[in-house]
């Protein structure tokens, strides 16, 4: 907001208009800087939105890969259990997973249900 425009009699400001305590040249520079700041803020908002979109896309891709990996690991464990039962008929999936040192969470195994989720 422009408070006042006046010409000062000071020898340091001779011939310059003063707007709100600033010379007109400084006021123009300040206005230009404010405009640049607003442009940069707008650009930053666009980049943040783009980053969120990109990140959520990557997150979806990673979840898809984890799901595929989990499915394949479950198939492998099922096949391994089938073959291992020929040697140890008391072997079940829970014991096999424990013997292999695999985290239930990583392969989606539910101990209460006794099978994969």
Protein backbone atom coordinates (compact mmCIF):
# COMPACT_ATOMS: atom_id res chain seq x y z
CA UNK A 1 0.00 0.00 0.00
CA UNK A 2 1.27 3.44 -0.87
CA UNK A 3 1.32 5.68 2.18
CA UNK A 4 2.48 8.88 0.62
CA UNK A 5 4.57 10.17 -2.21
CA UNK A 6 6.64 13.17 -1.41
CA UNK A 7 9.83 14.76 -2.53
CA UNK A 8 12.25 15.12 0.34
CA UNK A 9 14.47 18.07 0.81
CA UNK A 10 17.32 15.94 2.07
CA UNK A 11 20.54 16.28 0.07
CA UNK A 12 20.73 12.45 0.02
CA UNK A 13 17.29 12.04 -1.57
CA UNK A 14 17.28 15.12 -3.77
CA UNK A 15 15.08 14.56 -6.79
CA UNK A 16 13.70 11.17 -5.62
CA UNK A 17 10.12 10.44 -4.73
CA UNK A 18 9.64 8.59 -1.45
CA UNK A 19 6.91 5.94 -1.18
CA UNK A 20 6.30 4.55 2.29
CA UNK A 21 9.88 5.35 3.27
CA UNK A 22 11.32 3.90 0.04
CA UNK A 23 12.50 5.67 -3.05
CA UNK A 24 10.40 5.02 -6.13
CA UNK A 25 13.25 2.92 -7.60
CA UNK A 26 13.42 0.83 -4.40
CA UNK A 27 9.64 0.52 -4.39
CA UNK A 28 9.75 -0.82 -7.98
CA UNK A 29 12.49 -3.30 -7.02
CA UNK A 30 10.47 -4.40 -3.98
CA UNK A 31 7.37 -4.92 -6.14
CA UNK A 32 9.41 -6.94 -8.65
CA UNK A 33 10.90 -9.06 -5.86
CA UNK A 34 7.46 -9.72 -4.39
CA UNK A 35 6.25 -10.81 -7.83
CA UNK A 36 9.24 -13.16 -8.20
CA UNK A 37 8.59 -14.63 -4.74
CA UNK A 38 4.95 -15.31 -5.67
CA UNK A 39 6.06 -16.93 -8.95
CA UNK A 40 8.55 -19.13 -7.07
CA UNK A 41 5.89 -20.09 -4.52
CA UNK A 42 3.55 -21.05 -7.34
CA UNK A 43 6.31 -23.08 -9.00
CA UNK A 44 7.10 -24.77 -5.68
CA UNK A 45 3.43 -25.72 -5.22
CA UNK A 46 3.44 -27.24 -8.71
CA UNK A 47 6.61 -29.21 -7.95
CA UNK A 48 5.20 -30.43 -4.65
CA UNK A 49 2.03 -31.59 -6.39
CA UNK A 50 4.10 -33.31 -9.07
CA UNK A 51 6.27 -34.97 -6.41
CA UNK A 52 3.19 -36.27 -4.60
CA UNK A 53 1.86 -37.69 -7.85
CA UNK A 54 5.19 -39.26 -8.71
CA UNK A 55 5.69 -40.64 -5.22
CA UNK A 56 2.23 -42.14 -5.06
CA UNK A 57 2.85 -43.74 -8.46
CA UNK A 58 6.11 -45.20 -7.25
CA UNK A 59 4.45 -46.37 -4.07
CA UNK A 60 1.79 -48.17 -6.09
CA UNK A 61 4.50 -49.77 -8.25
CA UNK A 62 6.46 -50.90 -5.20
CA UNK A 63 3.31 -52.36 -3.63
CA UNK A 64 2.66 -54.23 -6.86
CA UNK A 65 6.20 -55.64 -6.88
CA UNK A 66 5.98 -56.64 -3.22
CA UNK A 67 2.68 -58.40 -3.95
CA UNK A 68 4.24 -60.29 -6.85
CA UNK A 69 7.30 -61.21 -4.79
CA UNK A 70 5.09 -62.37 -1.93
CA UNK A 71 3.00 -64.50 -4.30
CA UNK A 72 6.06 -66.13 -5.82
CA UNK A 73 7.64 -66.73 -2.40
CA UNK A 74 4.41 -68.38 -1.20
CA UNK A 75 4.38 -70.66 -4.25
CA UNK A 76 7.99 -71.62 -3.63
CA UNK A 77 7.27 -72.36 0.03
CA UNK A 78 4.27 -74.51 -0.93
CA UNK A 79 6.36 -76.52 -3.42
CA UNK A 80 9.20 -76.85 -0.94
CA UNK A 81 6.79 -78.07 1.75
CA UNK A 82 5.30 -80.63 -0.63
CA UNK A 83 8.75 -82.02 -1.45
CA UNK A 84 10.04 -81.84 2.12
CA UNK A 85 7.02 -83.77 3.45
CA UNK A 86 8.37 -86.84 1.64
CA UNK A 87 11.25 -86.81 4.12
CA UNK A 88 9.40 -85.47 7.20
CA UNK A 89 5.66 -86.11 7.28
CA UNK A 90 5.27 -83.96 10.44
CA UNK A 91 6.54 -80.86 8.69
CA UNK A 92 4.03 -78.06 8.24
CA UNK A 93 4.31 -74.54 6.78
CA UNK A 94 4.91 -72.94 10.19
CA UNK A 95 7.83 -75.27 10.94
CA UNK A 96 9.26 -74.82 7.44
CA UNK A 97 9.15 -71.03 7.71
CA UNK A 98 10.82 -71.22 11.13
CA UNK A 99 13.54 -73.55 9.85
CA UNK A 100 14.27 -71.20 6.97
CA UNK A 101 14.34 -68.17 9.28
CA UNK A 102 11.78 -66.27 7.23
CA UNK A 103 9.60 -63.57 8.75
CA UNK A 104 5.90 -64.42 8.61
CA UNK A 105 5.16 -60.82 7.69
CA UNK A 106 7.45 -60.88 4.66
CA UNK A 107 5.71 -63.83 3.05
CA UNK A 108 2.22 -63.02 4.34
CA UNK A 109 1.89 -66.07 6.60
CA UNK A 110 -0.81 -66.03 9.28
CA UNK A 111 0.02 -68.43 12.13
CA UNK A 112 -3.51 -68.33 13.53
CA UNK A 113 -4.98 -69.41 10.20
CA UNK A 114 -2.01 -71.65 9.45
CA UNK A 115 -1.76 -70.37 5.91
CA UNK A 116 -1.02 -67.36 3.74
CA UNK A 117 -3.12 -64.22 3.79
